[in-house]
Amino acid sequence: MTPPPDQTTPPPQGTMTSSPRARDRGASRVRRFSPAERWIHRITALLLGVCVFSAGCLYLPELAELVGRRALVVTVHEWSGILTPLPALLGLASRAFRADLTRLNRFGPHDRRWLRAALRRDHRRQERPAGKFNAGQKLYAGYIAGAVVVMAGTGLLMWFTDLAPLVWRTSATFVHDWLALAIGIVLLGHIGKAYADPEARRGMRTGKVEQAWAAREHPLWRTDEEAADGGHRDAGHDTGDHEHRIR
């Protein structure tokens, strides 16, 4: 017998049903990073981490004694350093990645306002307007991109000793060593900022963030179109000089 029309049949045992709260939470999330961008970040972070750790094993006696096998560490350091720019270069095939590079490369009036507030240690949200990336993230991305290129160039001069005269190699060693220290300090700051913001980490891990977080931290980032179509539209369509506020 079939149940009367006004009765509902309970789901079969073992069938999972999503709660209204879970459905609402999923509907309020917007896409921040594409799968390609997340893999670029992961592989670059891994290579850079190996490079920094192996450098520590070469320069710090405590780590050198703990690890040993200096020749192997040198080889690992050289190849991890050379391969670090590769994920970003391959990532240029991704439309979303290219769009985000355009965003990172543009510095507008709201970014200057963000920096002035940061220098004053003014944490009021209205004084720190930001698009998809805030001014601090743009400066960090530019610094790391430039530092990786300089480190690769000076590393090649140190690796292939016949490429340049002695004075060049000596200068390259000086720049390489001190810039490596600066990169290590900046990376620690980047990791500290990431651990202080769980939603930002979730966005890099899953590709999506809560719309409330986006509206609070990046009010000029246009996410209404991505939210409307479930995040399938490419996040890089809007690459103009200004960004639209989240509705």
Protein backbone atom coordinates (compact mmCIF):
# COMPACT_ATOMS: atom_id res chain seq x y z
CA MET A 1 0.00 0.00 0.00
CA THR A 2 1.18 3.49 -0.74
CA PRO A 3 0.98 6.12 2.01
CA PRO A 4 -1.69 8.81 1.84
CA PRO A 5 -0.67 11.97 -0.04
CA ASP A 6 -0.35 14.00 3.14
CA GLN A 7 2.25 11.62 4.63
CA THR A 8 5.93 11.49 3.83
CA THR A 9 7.97 8.36 3.53
CA PRO A 10 11.07 8.41 5.76
CA PRO A 11 14.39 7.99 3.95
CA PRO A 12 15.83 4.47 3.86
CA GLN A 13 18.08 3.49 6.69
CA GLY A 14 21.66 4.55 6.11
CA THR A 15 20.73 7.40 3.73
CA MET A 16 22.45 10.68 4.65
CA THR A 17 20.43 13.89 4.45
CA SER A 18 21.87 17.38 4.69
CA SER A 19 20.53 19.70 7.34
CA PRO A 20 19.15 23.14 6.45
CA ARG A 21 22.11 24.69 8.27
CA ALA A 22 24.59 22.71 6.13
CA ARG A 23 22.74 23.66 2.95
CA ASP A 24 22.73 27.34 3.97
CA ARG A 25 26.40 27.17 4.76
CA GLY A 26 27.20 25.68 1.37
CA ALA A 27 25.09 28.30 -0.39
CA SER A 28 26.93 31.12 1.42
CA ARG A 29 30.35 30.02 0.25
CA VAL A 30 32.02 31.60 -2.78
CA ARG A 31 34.92 30.39 -4.85
CA ARG A 32 38.21 32.11 -4.15
CA PHE A 33 40.79 29.91 -5.85
CA SER A 34 40.61 27.43 -8.71
CA PRO A 35 42.09 23.91 -8.40
CA ALA A 36 45.03 24.97 -10.57
CA GLU A 37 45.81 27.90 -8.28
CA ARG A 38 45.68 25.72 -5.19
CA TRP A 39 48.07 23.17 -6.70
CA ILE A 40 50.44 25.94 -7.79
CA HIS A 41 50.49 27.24 -4.24
CA ARG A 42 51.03 23.78 -2.71
CA ILE A 43 53.86 22.75 -5.01
CA THR A 44 55.57 26.13 -4.77
CA ALA A 45 55.30 26.04 -0.98
CA LEU A 46 56.78 22.53 -0.92
CA LEU A 47 59.70 23.44 -3.17
CA LEU A 48 60.39 26.67 -1.30
CA GLY A 49 60.18 24.86 2.02
CA VAL A 50 62.68 22.22 0.88
CA CYS A 51 64.94 24.96 -0.42
CA VAL A 52 64.88 26.92 2.84
CA PHE A 53 65.34 23.81 5.01
CA SER A 54 68.24 22.52 2.92
CA ALA A 55 69.82 25.98 3.08
CA GLY A 56 69.57 25.81 6.86
CA CYS A 57 71.30 22.44 6.80
CA LEU A 58 74.15 23.98 4.81
CA TYR A 59 74.63 27.07 7.00
CA LEU A 60 73.65 26.03 10.52
CA PRO A 61 76.09 23.60 12.18
CA GLU A 62 73.38 22.05 14.38
CA LEU A 63 71.24 21.10 11.39
CA ALA A 64 74.27 20.06 9.36
CA GLU A 65 75.33 17.60 12.08
CA LEU A 66 71.78 16.31 12.45
CA VAL A 67 71.25 15.64 8.74
CA GLY A 68 74.74 14.92 7.46
CA ARG A 69 75.37 13.90 3.83
CA ARG A 70 76.30 17.42 2.77
CA ALA A 71 76.75 16.53 -0.91
CA LEU A 72 73.19 15.21 -1.10
CA VAL A 73 71.85 18.28 0.72
CA VAL A 74 73.65 20.54 -1.78
CA THR A 75 72.07 18.66 -4.69
CA VAL A 76 68.60 18.85 -3.13
CA HIS A 77 69.05 22.56 -2.46
CA GLU A 78 70.19 23.30 -6.00
CA TRP A 79 67.38 21.44 -7.73
CA SER A 80 64.63 22.63 -5.40
CA GLY A 81 65.79 26.20 -6.00
CA ILE A 82 65.85 25.80 -9.78
CA LEU A 83 62.41 24.17 -9.82
CA THR A 84 60.70 26.70 -7.52
CA PRO A 85 59.59 29.07 -10.36
CA LEU A 86 58.32 26.15 -12.48
CA PRO A 87 54.79 25.77 -10.98
CA ALA A 88 54.02 29.44 -11.57
CA LEU A 89 55.35 29.27 -15.13
CA LEU A 90 53.23 26.21 -15.89
CA GLY A 91 50.32 27.86 -14.13
CA LEU A 92 50.21 30.58 -16.78
CA ALA A 93 48.11 28.12 -18.78
CA SER A 94 45.34 28.65 -16.19
CA ARG A 95 42.97 31.49 -16.97
CA ALA A 96 42.08 32.02 -13.31
CA PHE A 97 45.75 32.15 -12.32
CA ARG A 98 46.51 34.76 -14.98
CA ALA A 99 43.53 36.84 -13.80
CA ASP A 100 44.78 36.76 -10.21
CA LEU A 101 48.28 37.74 -11.34
CA THR A 102 46.68 40.79 -12.98
CA ARG A 103 44.95 41.64 -9.70
CA LEU A 104 48.18 41.24 -7.75
CA ASN A 105 50.03 43.45 -10.22
CA ARG A 106 47.64 46.40 -9.86
CA PHE A 107 47.95 48.89 -7.02
CA GLY A 108 45.04 51.29 -6.63
CA PRO A 109 44.08 54.15 -4.30
CA HIS A 110 42.35 51.73 -1.91
CA ASP A 111 45.63 49.81 -1.58
CA ARG A 112 47.49 52.97 -0.59
CA ARG A 113 44.77 53.66 1.96
CA TRP A 114 45.16 50.10 3.30
CA LEU A 115 48.92 50.58 3.70
CA ARG A 116 48.54 53.92 5.48
CA ALA A 117 46.14 52.29 7.93
CA ALA A 118 48.52 49.37 8.43
CA LEU A 119 51.42 51.73 9.18
CA ARG A 120 49.23 53.55 11.72
CA ARG A 121 48.17 50.17 13.15
CA ASP A 122 44.60 51.17 12.45
CA HIS A 123 42.57 47.95 12.38
CA ARG A 124 39.20 49.49 11.58
CA ARG A 125 37.63 47.67 8.64
CA GLN A 126 36.53 50.85 6.88
CA GLU A 127 40.13 52.06 6.85
CA ARG A 128 41.40 48.88 5.21
CA PRO A 129 39.50 48.45 1.93
CA ALA A 130 40.67 45.52 -0.16
CA GLY A 131 39.75 43.74 -3.36
CA LYS A 132 40.38 40.05 -3.77
CA PHE A 133 43.89 40.68 -2.42
CA ASN A 134 44.80 43.38 0.05
CA ALA A 135 47.85 45.61 -0.29
CA GLY A 136 49.93 43.48 2.06
CA GLN A 137 49.28 40.36 0.00
CA LYS A 138 50.20 42.22 -3.17
CA LEU A 139 53.49 43.40 -1.70
CA TYR A 140 54.27 39.92 -0.42
CA ALA A 141 53.55 38.31 -3.79
CA GLY A 142 55.72 40.85 -5.61
CA TYR A 143 58.55 40.44 -3.12
CA ILE A 144 58.55 36.64 -3.30
CA ALA A 145 58.35 36.64 -7.11
CA GLY A 146 61.31 39.00 -7.40
CA ALA A 147 63.30 37.22 -4.68
CA VAL A 148 62.87 33.82 -6.35
CA VAL A 149 64.19 35.20 -9.64
CA VAL A 150 67.20 36.82 -7.93
CA MET A 151 67.89 33.67 -5.92
CA ALA A 152 67.75 31.51 -9.04
CA GLY A 153 70.11 33.84 -10.92
CA THR A 154 72.67 34.14 -8.12
CA GLY A 155 72.39 30.42 -7.43
CA LEU A 156 73.25 29.61 -11.03
CA LEU A 157 76.37 31.79 -10.80
CA MET A 158 77.41 29.89 -7.68
CA TRP A 159 76.55 26.50 -9.19
CA PHE A 160 78.27 26.94 -12.55
CA THR A 161 81.51 28.64 -11.64
CA ASP A 162 82.57 29.14 -15.27
CA LEU A 163 79.64 31.45 -16.06
CA ALA A 164 81.19 34.58 -14.56
CA PRO A 165 84.46 35.94 -13.14
CA LEU A 166 85.35 35.59 -9.47
CA VAL A 167 84.16 39.04 -8.43
CA TRP A 168 80.70 38.30 -9.85
CA ARG A 169 80.51 34.98 -8.04
CA THR A 170 81.59 36.61 -4.78
CA SER A 171 78.90 39.26 -5.14
CA ALA A 172 76.34 36.61 -6.05
CA THR A 173 77.20 34.64 -2.91
CA PHE A 174 76.77 37.73 -0.73
CA VAL A 175 73.37 38.59 -2.27
CA HIS A 176 72.23 34.95 -2.21
CA ASP A 177 73.04 34.43 1.46
CA TRP A 178 71.49 37.63 2.82
CA LEU A 179 68.44 37.44 0.59
CA ALA A 180 67.89 33.86 1.77
CA LEU A 181 67.78 35.12 5.35
CA ALA A 182 65.28 37.84 4.38
CA ILE A 183 63.10 35.29 2.57
CA GLY A 184 63.08 33.05 5.63
CA ILE A 185 61.89 35.92 7.85
CA VAL A 186 59.17 36.96 5.39
CA LEU A 187 57.99 33.36 5.03
CA LEU A 188 57.64 33.05 8.79
CA GLY A 189 55.49 36.18 8.79
CA HIS A 190 53.37 34.78 5.95
CA ILE A 191 52.84 31.50 7.78
CA GLY A 192 51.96 33.36 10.98
CA LYS A 193 49.34 35.43 9.17
CA ALA A 194 47.87 32.30 7.60
CA TYR A 195 47.55 30.49 10.92
CA ALA A 196 45.86 33.53 12.42
CA ASP A 197 43.08 33.35 9.80
CA PRO A 198 41.47 29.87 9.55
CA GLU A 199 39.03 30.97 6.84
CA ALA A 200 41.87 32.16 4.61
CA ARG A 201 43.54 28.77 5.03
CA ARG A 202 40.26 27.03 4.23
CA GLY A 203 40.01 29.08 1.05
CA MET A 204 43.42 27.90 -0.08
CA ARG A 205 42.67 24.32 0.95
CA THR A 206 39.17 23.93 -0.49
CA GLY A 207 38.97 26.85 -2.92
CA LYS A 208 35.91 28.40 -1.24
CA VAL A 209 35.35 30.85 1.62
CA GLU A 210 32.37 32.12 3.56
CA GLN A 211 30.72 35.09 1.89
CA ALA A 212 30.56 36.87 5.25
CA TRP A 213 34.34 36.57 5.58
CA ALA A 214 34.84 37.85 2.04
CA ALA A 215 32.57 40.84 2.69
CA ARG A 216 34.43 41.63 5.91
CA GLU A 217 38.04 41.12 4.82
CA HIS A 218 37.79 41.92 1.08
CA PRO A 219 34.79 44.23 0.65
CA LEU A 220 35.81 45.37 -2.86
CA TRP A 221 36.10 41.85 -4.21
CA ARG A 222 33.33 40.98 -6.64
CA THR A 223 31.94 37.62 -5.59
CA ASP A 224 28.27 38.02 -6.41
CA GLU A 225 28.65 36.52 -9.90
CA GLU A 226 30.64 33.54 -8.65
CA ALA A 227 28.08 32.90 -5.89
CA ALA A 228 25.19 33.13 -8.36
CA ASP A 229 26.41 30.34 -10.58
CA GLY A 230 27.86 28.12 -7.88
CA GLY A 231 31.45 29.16 -8.43
CA HIS A 232 31.85 27.67 -11.89
CA ARG A 233 32.43 30.97 -13.63
CA ASP A 234 36.06 31.94 -13.85
CA ALA A 235 37.07 34.30 -11.10
CA GLY A 236 39.19 36.37 -13.42
CA HIS A 237 36.54 37.95 -15.66
CA ASP A 238 36.65 41.24 -13.78
CA THR A 239 40.18 42.54 -14.18
CA GLY A 240 39.46 46.25 -14.40
CA ASP A 241 41.22 48.93 -12.43
CA HIS A 242 38.40 48.91 -9.87
CA GLU A 243 36.64 46.09 -8.12
CA HIS A 244 32.96 45.91 -7.26
CA ARG A 245 31.64 45.73 -3.74
CA ILE A 246 30.02 42.56 -2.49
CA ARG A 247 26.28 42.96 -2.30
